[in-house]
Amino acid sequence: MVYAFLVHTATPGVCRVFYSQVFAVDGMFEEEEEDYDRRRLLRKERLAALARQVQTACVLAAEADDRLNVEAQHPLAGFDESRTLVAIAEAETGALRLPSGDLFSQELAALWLAPGKLALTLLCEEHDNLTVAEMALRRMAAALLVAPRPDTDLLMRPERVDLLLDALMPCGQLLFLNHQLMRNLEKELVDM
């Protein structure tokens, strides 16, 4: 079960969360607060803290591979489809184990993929199939960062992210997708 999906910065500096979707709230957050606005703010702060932890892991992994200087010379932007697909295939990936009581009420795993300056993060149960989660992240990155039209932008089209999440992870469930299903999904996304 995927609890949340985040798109945030992966470069050193201030961590900005550009998109977040929470699939399951029950039991994930120890919410004793009665006030809806207060609960929402606590949830948002916890997701921001998770994004900061993932950003730190991305920066450390990039420094270990000495990719920080390479990405500054060859940014992901520019909508060159072949270059973007290569960057997604070679993107840094990792997983963080989040102990219970730290940010969330149960033990969870955060799986991240950092193509370029953005990081895509899935917050999953620790016993989930992380290989399927990584495949879902790579498919999300490929569908989001390779725009069918150069004027579309990930940050300006959150409904596209919602549709992708609904197709790849309905209600936060990781799906095993074969090649035929992925081709049909890609055809539908081109029409969007």
N, C-alpha and C. Protein backbone atom coordinates (compact mmCIF):
# COMPACT_ATOMS: atom_id res chain seq x y z
N MET A 1 0.84 -1.18 0.00
CA MET A 1 0.00 0.00 0.00
C MET A 1 0.89 1.24 0.00
N VAL A 2 0.65 2.12 -0.92
CA VAL A 2 1.36 3.39 -0.97
C VAL A 2 0.56 4.39 -0.14
N TYR A 3 1.23 5.04 0.78
CA TYR A 3 0.54 6.01 1.64
C TYR A 3 0.58 7.41 1.07
N ALA A 4 1.69 7.75 0.39
CA ALA A 4 1.80 9.11 -0.15
C ALA A 4 2.77 9.12 -1.32
N PHE A 5 2.58 10.12 -2.19
CA PHE A 5 3.45 10.36 -3.32
C PHE A 5 3.84 11.83 -3.27
N LEU A 6 5.14 12.12 -3.44
CA LEU A 6 5.64 13.49 -3.38
C LEU A 6 6.52 13.78 -4.59
N VAL A 7 6.48 15.03 -5.05
CA VAL A 7 7.44 15.56 -6.01
C VAL A 7 8.05 16.78 -5.33
N HIS A 8 9.36 16.76 -5.18
CA HIS A 8 10.04 17.84 -4.48
C HIS A 8 11.45 18.03 -5.04
N THR A 9 12.15 19.02 -4.52
CA THR A 9 13.50 19.31 -5.01
C THR A 9 14.48 18.25 -4.51
N ALA A 10 15.53 18.02 -5.30
CA ALA A 10 16.56 17.05 -4.93
C ALA A 10 17.93 17.69 -4.87
N THR A 11 18.00 19.00 -5.00
CA THR A 11 19.28 19.70 -5.01
C THR A 11 19.52 20.38 -3.67
N PRO A 12 20.76 20.71 -3.36
CA PRO A 12 21.04 21.40 -2.09
C PRO A 12 20.30 22.73 -2.01
N GLY A 13 19.95 23.10 -0.81
CA GLY A 13 19.23 24.34 -0.59
C GLY A 13 17.89 24.09 0.07
N VAL A 14 17.00 25.03 -0.08
CA VAL A 14 15.68 24.92 0.53
C VAL A 14 14.89 23.82 -0.17
N CYS A 15 14.27 22.95 0.59
CA CYS A 15 13.47 21.86 0.02
C CYS A 15 12.05 22.38 -0.24
N ARG A 16 11.61 22.26 -1.48
CA ARG A 16 10.26 22.69 -1.84
C ARG A 16 9.47 21.48 -2.31
N VAL A 17 8.28 21.32 -1.76
CA VAL A 17 7.39 20.25 -2.19
C VAL A 17 6.47 20.84 -3.25
N PHE A 18 6.55 20.32 -4.47
CA PHE A 18 5.75 20.84 -5.57
C PHE A 18 4.40 20.15 -5.68
N TYR A 19 4.36 18.88 -5.29
CA TYR A 19 3.12 18.13 -5.40
C TYR A 19 3.12 17.06 -4.33
N SER A 20 1.99 16.85 -3.69
CA SER A 20 1.85 15.74 -2.75
C SER A 20 0.45 15.17 -2.84
N GLN A 21 0.37 13.88 -2.73
CA GLN A 21 -0.91 13.18 -2.72
C GLN A 21 -0.86 12.15 -1.61
N VAL A 22 -1.79 12.23 -0.68
CA VAL A 22 -1.88 11.27 0.42
C VAL A 22 -3.02 10.31 0.09
N PHE A 23 -2.70 9.01 0.10
CA PHE A 23 -3.70 8.01 -0.24
C PHE A 23 -4.42 7.47 1.00
N ALA A 24 -3.67 7.23 2.06
CA ALA A 24 -4.26 6.63 3.26
C ALA A 24 -3.88 7.46 4.47
N VAL A 25 -4.86 7.90 5.21
CA VAL A 25 -4.60 8.71 6.39
C VAL A 25 -4.79 7.89 7.65
N ASP A 26 -5.62 6.87 7.61
CA ASP A 26 -5.94 6.09 8.79
C ASP A 26 -4.70 5.42 9.34
N GLY A 27 -4.37 5.72 10.58
CA GLY A 27 -3.27 5.08 11.27
C GLY A 27 -1.90 5.57 10.89
N MET A 28 -1.75 6.27 9.77
CA MET A 28 -0.43 6.73 9.36
C MET A 28 0.02 7.90 10.22
N PHE A 29 -0.88 8.79 10.49
CA PHE A 29 -0.57 9.95 11.30
C PHE A 29 -1.28 9.78 12.64
N GLU A 30 -0.56 9.93 13.71
CA GLU A 30 -1.22 9.91 15.02
C GLU A 30 -1.89 11.25 15.21
N GLU A 31 -3.12 11.32 14.83
CA GLU A 31 -3.84 12.59 14.85
C GLU A 31 -4.82 12.61 16.01
N GLU A 32 -4.42 13.28 17.07
CA GLU A 32 -5.32 13.44 18.20
C GLU A 32 -6.10 14.73 18.10
N GLU A 33 -5.72 15.55 17.16
CA GLU A 33 -6.37 16.84 17.02
C GLU A 33 -7.77 16.69 16.44
N GLU A 34 -8.69 17.46 16.97
CA GLU A 34 -10.07 17.45 16.49
C GLU A 34 -10.24 18.38 15.28
N ASP A 35 -9.46 19.43 15.25
CA ASP A 35 -9.60 20.47 14.24
C ASP A 35 -9.02 20.00 12.90
N TYR A 36 -9.82 20.08 11.85
CA TYR A 36 -9.41 19.63 10.52
C TYR A 36 -8.21 20.41 10.02
N ASP A 37 -8.21 21.73 10.18
CA ASP A 37 -7.10 22.55 9.69
C ASP A 37 -5.80 22.21 10.40
N ARG A 38 -5.88 21.94 11.68
CA ARG A 38 -4.69 21.58 12.45
C ARG A 38 -4.15 20.22 12.00
N ARG A 39 -5.03 19.26 11.77
CA ARG A 39 -4.61 17.94 11.28
C ARG A 39 -3.96 18.06 9.91
N ARG A 40 -4.54 18.87 9.05
CA ARG A 40 -4.00 19.06 7.71
C ARG A 40 -2.61 19.69 7.77
N LEU A 41 -2.44 20.67 8.65
CA LEU A 41 -1.14 21.32 8.82
C LEU A 41 -0.10 20.34 9.36
N LEU A 42 -0.49 19.51 10.33
CA LEU A 42 0.45 18.50 10.85
C LEU A 42 0.86 17.51 9.76
N ARG A 43 -0.10 17.08 8.96
CA ARG A 43 0.19 16.15 7.86
C ARG A 43 1.15 16.80 6.86
N LYS A 44 0.89 18.06 6.55
CA LYS A 44 1.75 18.79 5.60
C LYS A 44 3.17 18.95 6.15
N GLU A 45 3.30 19.23 7.44
CA GLU A 45 4.61 19.38 8.05
C GLU A 45 5.38 18.05 8.05
N ARG A 46 4.68 16.95 8.31
CA ARG A 46 5.33 15.65 8.30
C ARG A 46 5.80 15.27 6.90
N LEU A 47 5.00 15.56 5.90
CA LEU A 47 5.42 15.28 4.52
C LEU A 47 6.60 16.17 4.12
N ALA A 48 6.61 17.40 4.59
CA ALA A 48 7.75 18.29 4.31
C ALA A 48 9.01 17.77 4.99
N ALA A 49 8.87 17.25 6.20
CA ALA A 49 10.03 16.67 6.90
C ALA A 49 10.54 15.44 6.15
N LEU A 50 9.63 14.63 5.64
CA LEU A 50 10.01 13.47 4.83
C LEU A 50 10.75 13.94 3.57
N ALA A 51 10.23 14.97 2.92
CA ALA A 51 10.88 15.50 1.71
C ALA A 51 12.29 16.00 2.02
N ARG A 52 12.48 16.62 3.17
CA ARG A 52 13.82 17.09 3.55
C ARG A 52 14.77 15.91 3.77
N GLN A 53 14.28 14.84 4.39
CA GLN A 53 15.12 13.65 4.59
C GLN A 53 15.52 13.04 3.25
N VAL A 54 14.57 12.94 2.34
CA VAL A 54 14.86 12.38 1.02
C VAL A 54 15.80 13.31 0.26
N GLN A 55 15.60 14.61 0.36
CA GLN A 55 16.49 15.56 -0.31
C GLN A 55 17.92 15.38 0.18
N THR A 56 18.10 15.22 1.47
CA THR A 56 19.43 15.00 2.03
C THR A 56 20.04 13.72 1.49
N ALA A 57 19.24 12.65 1.41
CA ALA A 57 19.74 11.39 0.86
C ALA A 57 20.12 11.55 -0.62
N CYS A 58 19.32 12.31 -1.38
CA CYS A 58 19.62 12.55 -2.79
C CYS A 58 20.93 13.31 -2.96
N VAL A 59 21.11 14.34 -2.14
CA VAL A 59 22.32 15.15 -2.23
C VAL A 59 23.54 14.31 -1.85
N LEU A 60 23.43 13.50 -0.79
CA LEU A 60 24.56 12.65 -0.39
C LEU A 60 24.88 11.62 -1.46
N ALA A 61 23.86 11.03 -2.06
CA ALA A 61 24.10 10.05 -3.13
C ALA A 61 24.72 10.71 -4.35
N ALA A 62 24.28 11.91 -4.68
CA ALA A 62 24.84 12.63 -5.83
C ALA A 62 26.29 13.02 -5.56
N GLU A 63 26.58 13.44 -4.33
CA GLU A 63 27.96 13.80 -4.00
C GLU A 63 28.86 12.57 -4.01
N ALA A 64 28.32 11.44 -3.58
CA ALA A 64 29.11 10.21 -3.58
C ALA A 64 29.43 9.78 -5.01
N ASP A 65 28.51 10.00 -5.92
CA ASP A 65 28.73 9.67 -7.32
C ASP A 65 29.32 10.83 -8.11
N ASP A 66 29.50 11.96 -7.47
CA ASP A 66 30.02 13.17 -8.11
C ASP A 66 29.15 13.59 -9.29
N ARG A 67 27.81 13.43 -9.13
CA ARG A 67 26.89 13.81 -10.20
C ARG A 67 26.40 15.24 -10.06
N LEU A 68 26.65 15.86 -8.92
CA LEU A 68 26.14 17.20 -8.70
C LEU A 68 26.72 18.17 -9.72
N ASN A 69 28.01 18.04 -10.02
CA ASN A 69 28.64 18.93 -11.00
C ASN A 69 28.20 18.59 -12.43
N VAL A 70 27.97 17.32 -12.71
CA VAL A 70 27.54 16.90 -14.04
C VAL A 70 26.14 17.43 -14.33
N GLU A 71 25.23 17.35 -13.34
CA GLU A 71 23.86 17.83 -13.56
C GLU A 71 23.82 19.34 -13.72
N ALA A 72 24.74 20.05 -13.10
CA ALA A 72 24.76 21.50 -13.27
C ALA A 72 25.15 21.86 -14.71
N GLN A 73 25.99 21.01 -15.34
CA GLN A 73 26.39 21.26 -16.72
C GLN A 73 25.32 20.80 -17.71
N HIS A 74 24.60 19.71 -17.38
CA HIS A 74 23.60 19.13 -18.27
C HIS A 74 22.27 19.00 -17.53
N PRO A 75 21.52 20.07 -17.40
CA PRO A 75 20.26 19.97 -16.68
C PRO A 75 19.25 19.12 -17.43
N LEU A 76 18.23 18.64 -16.69
CA LEU A 76 17.20 17.80 -17.28
C LEU A 76 16.24 18.60 -18.15
N ALA A 77 16.10 19.87 -17.89
CA ALA A 77 15.16 20.70 -18.63
C ALA A 77 15.58 20.83 -20.08
N GLY A 78 14.66 21.24 -20.92
CA GLY A 78 14.95 21.42 -22.32
C GLY A 78 14.07 20.57 -23.20
N PHE A 79 13.35 19.63 -22.62
CA PHE A 79 12.39 18.79 -23.32
C PHE A 79 13.01 18.02 -24.46
N ASP A 80 14.27 17.62 -24.32
CA ASP A 80 14.88 16.70 -25.28
C ASP A 80 14.52 15.30 -24.80
N GLU A 81 13.61 14.65 -25.51
CA GLU A 81 13.04 13.39 -25.03
C GLU A 81 14.08 12.31 -24.82
N SER A 82 15.01 12.13 -25.74
CA SER A 82 15.99 11.06 -25.61
C SER A 82 16.92 11.32 -24.42
N ARG A 83 17.33 12.57 -24.24
CA ARG A 83 18.18 12.91 -23.10
C ARG A 83 17.44 12.71 -21.78
N THR A 84 16.15 13.05 -21.76
CA THR A 84 15.36 12.89 -20.55
C THR A 84 15.18 11.42 -20.20
N LEU A 85 14.92 10.58 -21.20
CA LEU A 85 14.76 9.15 -20.94
C LEU A 85 16.06 8.52 -20.44
N VAL A 86 17.19 8.96 -20.97
CA VAL A 86 18.48 8.47 -20.48
C VAL A 86 18.70 8.93 -19.04
N ALA A 87 18.34 10.18 -18.74
CA ALA A 87 18.49 10.68 -17.37
C ALA A 87 17.61 9.91 -16.40
N ILE A 88 16.41 9.52 -16.81
CA ILE A 88 15.53 8.74 -15.94
C ILE A 88 16.09 7.34 -15.73
N ALA A 89 16.62 6.74 -16.79
CA ALA A 89 17.19 5.40 -16.67
C ALA A 89 18.41 5.38 -15.76
N GLU A 90 19.20 6.45 -15.80
CA GLU A 90 20.41 6.54 -14.98
C GLU A 90 20.18 7.28 -13.67
N ALA A 91 18.95 7.62 -13.36
CA ALA A 91 18.66 8.42 -12.18
C ALA A 91 19.03 7.69 -10.89
N GLU A 92 19.44 8.48 -9.94
CA GLU A 92 19.77 7.96 -8.62
C GLU A 92 18.49 7.50 -7.94
N THR A 93 18.54 6.36 -7.30
CA THR A 93 17.38 5.85 -6.58
C THR A 93 17.83 5.34 -5.22
N GLY A 94 16.90 5.31 -4.30
CA GLY A 94 17.25 4.85 -2.97
C GLY A 94 16.01 4.63 -2.13
N ALA A 95 16.23 4.12 -0.94
CA ALA A 95 15.14 3.86 -0.02
C ALA A 95 15.57 4.27 1.38
N LEU A 96 14.62 4.78 2.14
CA LEU A 96 14.84 5.15 3.53
C LEU A 96 13.87 4.37 4.40
N ARG A 97 14.34 3.86 5.50
CA ARG A 97 13.47 3.20 6.47
C ARG A 97 13.09 4.24 7.51
N LEU A 98 11.81 4.42 7.71
CA LEU A 98 11.32 5.39 8.68
C LEU A 98 10.75 4.64 9.88
N PRO A 99 11.44 4.71 11.02
CA PRO A 99 10.96 3.96 12.19
C PRO A 99 9.66 4.55 12.73
N SER A 100 8.90 3.69 13.39
CA SER A 100 7.63 4.16 13.95
C SER A 100 7.91 5.16 15.07
N GLY A 101 7.05 6.16 15.14
CA GLY A 101 7.19 7.18 16.17
C GLY A 101 8.03 8.36 15.76
N ASP A 102 8.85 8.22 14.72
CA ASP A 102 9.68 9.34 14.27
C ASP A 102 8.81 10.40 13.61
N LEU A 103 8.26 10.09 12.47
CA LEU A 103 7.33 10.99 11.79
C LEU A 103 5.93 10.40 11.75
N PHE A 104 5.85 9.08 11.65
CA PHE A 104 4.57 8.41 11.47
C PHE A 104 4.37 7.38 12.56
N SER A 105 3.13 6.95 12.73
CA SER A 105 2.80 6.05 13.83
C SER A 105 3.21 4.60 13.56
N GLN A 106 3.57 4.27 12.34
CA GLN A 106 4.02 2.92 12.03
C GLN A 106 5.29 2.98 11.20
N GLU A 107 5.97 1.84 11.11
CA GLU A 107 7.21 1.78 10.36
C GLU A 107 6.90 1.77 8.87
N LEU A 108 7.55 2.68 8.14
CA LEU A 108 7.30 2.83 6.70
C LEU A 108 8.62 2.89 5.95
N ALA A 109 8.54 2.77 4.64
CA ALA A 109 9.71 2.89 3.78
C ALA A 109 9.44 4.00 2.76
N ALA A 110 10.43 4.83 2.53
CA ALA A 110 10.33 5.89 1.53
C ALA A 110 11.26 5.53 0.38
N LEU A 111 10.70 5.32 -0.78
CA LEU A 111 11.47 5.00 -1.98
C LEU A 111 11.51 6.24 -2.85
N TRP A 112 12.71 6.62 -3.30
CA TRP A 112 12.83 7.86 -4.09
C TRP A 112 13.62 7.62 -5.37
N LEU A 113 13.32 8.49 -6.33
CA LEU A 113 13.99 8.51 -7.62
C LEU A 113 14.29 9.97 -7.93
N ALA A 114 15.53 10.26 -8.27
CA ALA A 114 15.93 11.65 -8.48
C ALA A 114 16.50 11.86 -9.88
N PRO A 115 15.63 12.05 -10.88
CA PRO A 115 16.14 12.40 -12.22
C PRO A 115 16.32 13.91 -12.32
N GLY A 116 17.54 14.37 -12.38
CA GLY A 116 17.78 15.80 -12.49
C GLY A 116 17.62 16.51 -11.16
N LYS A 117 16.87 17.60 -11.18
CA LYS A 117 16.74 18.44 -10.00
C LYS A 117 15.50 18.12 -9.18
N LEU A 118 14.66 17.20 -9.66
CA LEU A 118 13.45 16.81 -8.94
C LEU A 118 13.62 15.43 -8.34
N ALA A 119 12.88 15.18 -7.27
CA ALA A 119 12.82 13.85 -6.68
C ALA A 119 11.37 13.42 -6.60
N LEU A 120 11.11 12.19 -6.97
CA LEU A 120 9.79 11.60 -6.83
C LEU A 120 9.89 10.58 -5.70
N THR A 121 9.00 10.65 -4.73
CA THR A 121 9.08 9.81 -3.54
C THR A 121 7.76 9.09 -3.32
N LEU A 122 7.86 7.80 -3.03
CA LEU A 122 6.71 7.00 -2.62
C LEU A 122 6.90 6.62 -1.16
N LEU A 123 5.88 6.82 -0.37
CA LEU A 123 5.88 6.40 1.03
C LEU A 123 5.06 5.12 1.10
N CYS A 124 5.73 3.99 1.38
CA CYS A 124 5.10 2.67 1.32
C CYS A 124 5.21 1.96 2.67
N GLU A 125 4.42 0.90 2.79
CA GLU A 125 4.60 0.01 3.92
C GLU A 125 5.94 -0.69 3.75
N GLU A 126 6.56 -1.06 4.86
CA GLU A 126 7.91 -1.61 4.75
C GLU A 126 7.95 -2.98 4.09
N HIS A 127 6.85 -3.71 4.06
CA HIS A 127 6.84 -5.04 3.45
C HIS A 127 6.37 -5.01 1.99
N ASP A 128 6.13 -3.83 1.43
CA ASP A 128 5.73 -3.73 0.03
C ASP A 128 6.86 -4.16 -0.89
N ASN A 129 6.51 -4.54 -2.09
CA ASN A 129 7.48 -4.94 -3.10
C ASN A 129 8.14 -3.66 -3.65
N LEU A 130 9.36 -3.40 -3.21
CA LEU A 130 10.05 -2.17 -3.61
C LEU A 130 10.47 -2.18 -5.07
N THR A 131 10.60 -3.35 -5.67
CA THR A 131 10.90 -3.41 -7.10
C THR A 131 9.73 -2.90 -7.92
N VAL A 132 8.52 -3.30 -7.55
CA VAL A 132 7.33 -2.80 -8.24
C VAL A 132 7.18 -1.30 -7.98
N ALA A 133 7.48 -0.87 -6.77
CA ALA A 133 7.39 0.56 -6.45
C ALA A 133 8.40 1.36 -7.28
N GLU A 134 9.61 0.83 -7.45
CA GLU A 134 10.60 1.53 -8.27
C GLU A 134 10.17 1.60 -9.73
N MET A 135 9.59 0.51 -10.23
CA MET A 135 9.08 0.52 -11.61
C MET A 135 7.98 1.57 -11.77
N ALA A 136 7.10 1.67 -10.77
CA ALA A 136 6.04 2.68 -10.82
C ALA A 136 6.63 4.08 -10.80
N LEU A 137 7.67 4.29 -9.98
CA LEU A 137 8.33 5.61 -9.95
C LEU A 137 8.96 5.94 -11.29
N ARG A 138 9.63 4.99 -11.89
CA ARG A 138 10.27 5.24 -13.19
C ARG A 138 9.22 5.52 -14.27
N ARG A 139 8.10 4.81 -14.24
CA ARG A 139 7.04 5.08 -15.21
C ARG A 139 6.43 6.45 -14.97
N MET A 140 6.25 6.83 -13.70
CA MET A 140 5.73 8.16 -13.39
C MET A 140 6.69 9.23 -13.90
N ALA A 141 7.98 9.04 -13.64
CA ALA A 141 8.97 10.02 -14.08
C ALA A 141 8.98 10.14 -15.59
N ALA A 142 8.94 9.01 -16.28
CA ALA A 142 8.95 9.05 -17.75
C ALA A 142 7.71 9.75 -18.28
N ALA A 143 6.56 9.47 -17.71
CA ALA A 143 5.32 10.08 -18.19
C ALA A 143 5.23 11.55 -17.83
N LEU A 144 5.79 11.95 -16.70
CA LEU A 144 5.70 13.35 -16.27
C LEU A 144 6.75 14.24 -16.91
N LEU A 145 7.96 13.72 -17.05
CA LEU A 145 9.06 14.58 -17.50
C LEU A 145 9.25 14.59 -19.01
N VAL A 146 8.66 13.63 -19.72
CA VAL A 146 8.69 13.65 -21.17
C VAL A 146 7.33 14.12 -21.62
N ALA A 147 7.19 15.40 -21.79
CA ALA A 147 5.90 15.99 -22.13
C ALA A 147 5.59 15.77 -23.60
N PRO A 148 4.33 15.47 -23.92
CA PRO A 148 3.97 15.31 -25.33
C PRO A 148 4.06 16.62 -26.10
N ARG A 149 3.86 17.71 -25.40
CA ARG A 149 3.99 19.04 -26.02
C ARG A 149 4.98 19.85 -25.21
N PRO A 150 5.90 20.54 -25.84
CA PRO A 150 6.92 21.28 -25.10
C PRO A 150 6.36 22.36 -24.18
N ASP A 151 5.16 22.85 -24.44
CA ASP A 151 4.65 23.94 -23.61
C ASP A 151 4.01 23.45 -22.32
N THR A 152 3.84 22.13 -22.16
CA THR A 152 3.26 21.62 -20.92
C THR A 152 4.35 21.50 -19.88
N ASP A 153 3.98 21.70 -18.65
CA ASP A 153 4.94 21.68 -17.57
C ASP A 153 4.35 20.88 -16.42
N LEU A 154 5.18 20.11 -15.77
CA LEU A 154 4.75 19.29 -14.65
C LEU A 154 4.09 20.12 -13.56
N LEU A 155 4.66 21.26 -13.26
CA LEU A 155 4.15 22.06 -12.16
C LEU A 155 2.88 22.83 -12.52
N MET A 156 2.63 22.99 -13.80
CA MET A 156 1.45 23.72 -14.23
C MET A 156 0.27 22.79 -14.52
N ARG A 157 0.49 21.48 -14.48
CA ARG A 157 -0.56 20.52 -14.81
C ARG A 157 -0.71 19.46 -13.72
N PRO A 158 -1.16 19.81 -12.53
CA PRO A 158 -1.31 18.80 -11.48
C PRO A 158 -2.38 17.76 -11.81
N GLU A 159 -3.34 18.10 -12.67
CA GLU A 159 -4.36 17.11 -13.03
C GLU A 159 -3.75 15.95 -13.81
N ARG A 160 -2.67 16.21 -14.54
CA ARG A 160 -1.96 15.14 -15.25
C ARG A 160 -1.33 14.18 -14.25
N VAL A 161 -0.77 14.72 -13.18
CA VAL A 161 -0.18 13.88 -12.14
C VAL A 161 -1.27 13.05 -11.48
N ASP A 162 -2.43 13.66 -11.22
CA ASP A 162 -3.55 12.93 -10.61
C ASP A 162 -4.00 11.77 -11.49
N LEU A 163 -4.10 12.01 -12.80
CA LEU A 163 -4.52 10.95 -13.72
C LEU A 163 -3.49 9.83 -13.79
N LEU A 164 -2.22 10.18 -13.78
CA LEU A 164 -1.17 9.17 -13.79
C LEU A 164 -1.20 8.33 -12.53
N LEU A 165 -1.35 8.99 -11.39
CA LEU A 165 -1.42 8.26 -10.13
C LEU A 165 -2.63 7.33 -10.10
N ASP A 166 -3.74 7.80 -10.62
CA ASP A 166 -4.94 6.98 -10.64
C ASP A 166 -4.77 5.77 -11.56
N ALA A 167 -4.02 5.93 -12.64
CA ALA A 167 -3.80 4.83 -13.57
C ALA A 167 -2.74 3.85 -13.06
N LEU A 168 -1.64 4.37 -12.51
CA LEU A 168 -0.54 3.51 -12.07
C LEU A 168 -0.71 2.97 -10.66
N MET A 169 -1.36 3.75 -9.79
CA MET A 169 -1.54 3.36 -8.39
C MET A 169 -2.94 3.73 -7.92
N PRO A 170 -3.96 3.04 -8.39
CA PRO A 170 -5.31 3.41 -7.97
C PRO A 170 -5.49 3.21 -6.46
N CYS A 171 -5.93 4.26 -5.80
CA CYS A 171 -6.14 4.24 -4.34
C CYS A 171 -4.89 3.83 -3.57
N GLY A 172 -3.72 4.07 -4.13
CA GLY A 172 -2.47 3.77 -3.46
C GLY A 172 -2.02 2.32 -3.56
N GLN A 173 -2.63 1.54 -4.42
CA GLN A 173 -2.26 0.13 -4.59
C GLN A 173 -1.24 0.00 -5.72
N LEU A 174 -0.12 -0.65 -5.45
CA LEU A 174 0.87 -0.89 -6.49
C LEU A 174 0.37 -2.00 -7.41
N LEU A 175 0.49 -1.78 -8.71
CA LEU A 175 -0.01 -2.73 -9.70
C LEU A 175 1.15 -3.34 -10.49
N PHE A 176 1.00 -4.61 -10.83
CA PHE A 176 1.90 -5.24 -11.78
C PHE A 176 1.33 -4.96 -13.16
N LEU A 177 2.05 -4.19 -13.96
CA LEU A 177 1.56 -3.83 -15.29
C LEU A 177 2.44 -4.49 -16.35
N ASN A 178 1.82 -5.15 -17.30
CA ASN A 178 2.58 -5.73 -18.39
C ASN A 178 2.78 -4.68 -19.49
N HIS A 179 3.50 -5.06 -20.53
CA HIS A 179 3.83 -4.10 -21.59
C HIS A 179 2.61 -3.62 -22.36
N GLN A 180 1.65 -4.51 -22.59
CA GLN A 180 0.46 -4.12 -23.33
C GLN A 180 -0.36 -3.08 -22.56
N LEU A 181 -0.52 -3.29 -21.27
CA LEU A 181 -1.24 -2.30 -20.46
C LEU A 181 -0.51 -0.96 -20.44
N MET A 182 0.81 -1.01 -20.39
CA MET A 182 1.58 0.24 -20.39
C MET A 182 1.45 0.96 -21.73
N ARG A 183 1.44 0.23 -22.83
CA ARG A 183 1.25 0.87 -24.14
C ARG A 183 -0.10 1.55 -24.23
N ASN A 184 -1.15 0.87 -23.76
CA ASN A 184 -2.49 1.47 -23.77
C ASN A 184 -2.54 2.71 -22.89
N LEU A 185 -1.90 2.65 -21.74
CA LEU A 185 -1.86 3.81 -20.85
C LEU A 185 -1.11 4.97 -21.50
N GLU A 186 0.00 4.68 -22.15
CA GLU A 186 0.76 5.74 -22.81
C GLU A 186 -0.04 6.39 -23.94
N LYS A 187 -0.82 5.59 -24.68
CA LYS A 187 -1.68 6.15 -25.73
C LYS A 187 -2.72 7.09 -25.13
N GLU A 188 -3.30 6.71 -24.00
CA GLU A 188 -4.28 7.57 -23.34
C GLU A 188 -3.65 8.87 -22.85
N LEU A 189 -2.39 8.77 -22.35
CA LEU A 189 -1.73 9.96 -21.83
C LEU A 189 -1.34 10.94 -22.93
N VAL A 190 -1.04 10.42 -24.11
CA VAL A 190 -0.69 11.31 -25.23
C VAL A 190 -1.90 12.17 -25.60
N ASP A 191 -3.10 11.62 -25.46
CA ASP A 191 -4.31 12.36 -25.80
C ASP A 191 -4.66 13.44 -24.79
N MET A 192 -4.04 13.39 -23.61
CA MET A 192 -4.36 14.37 -22.57
C MET A 192 -3.82 15.75 -22.91
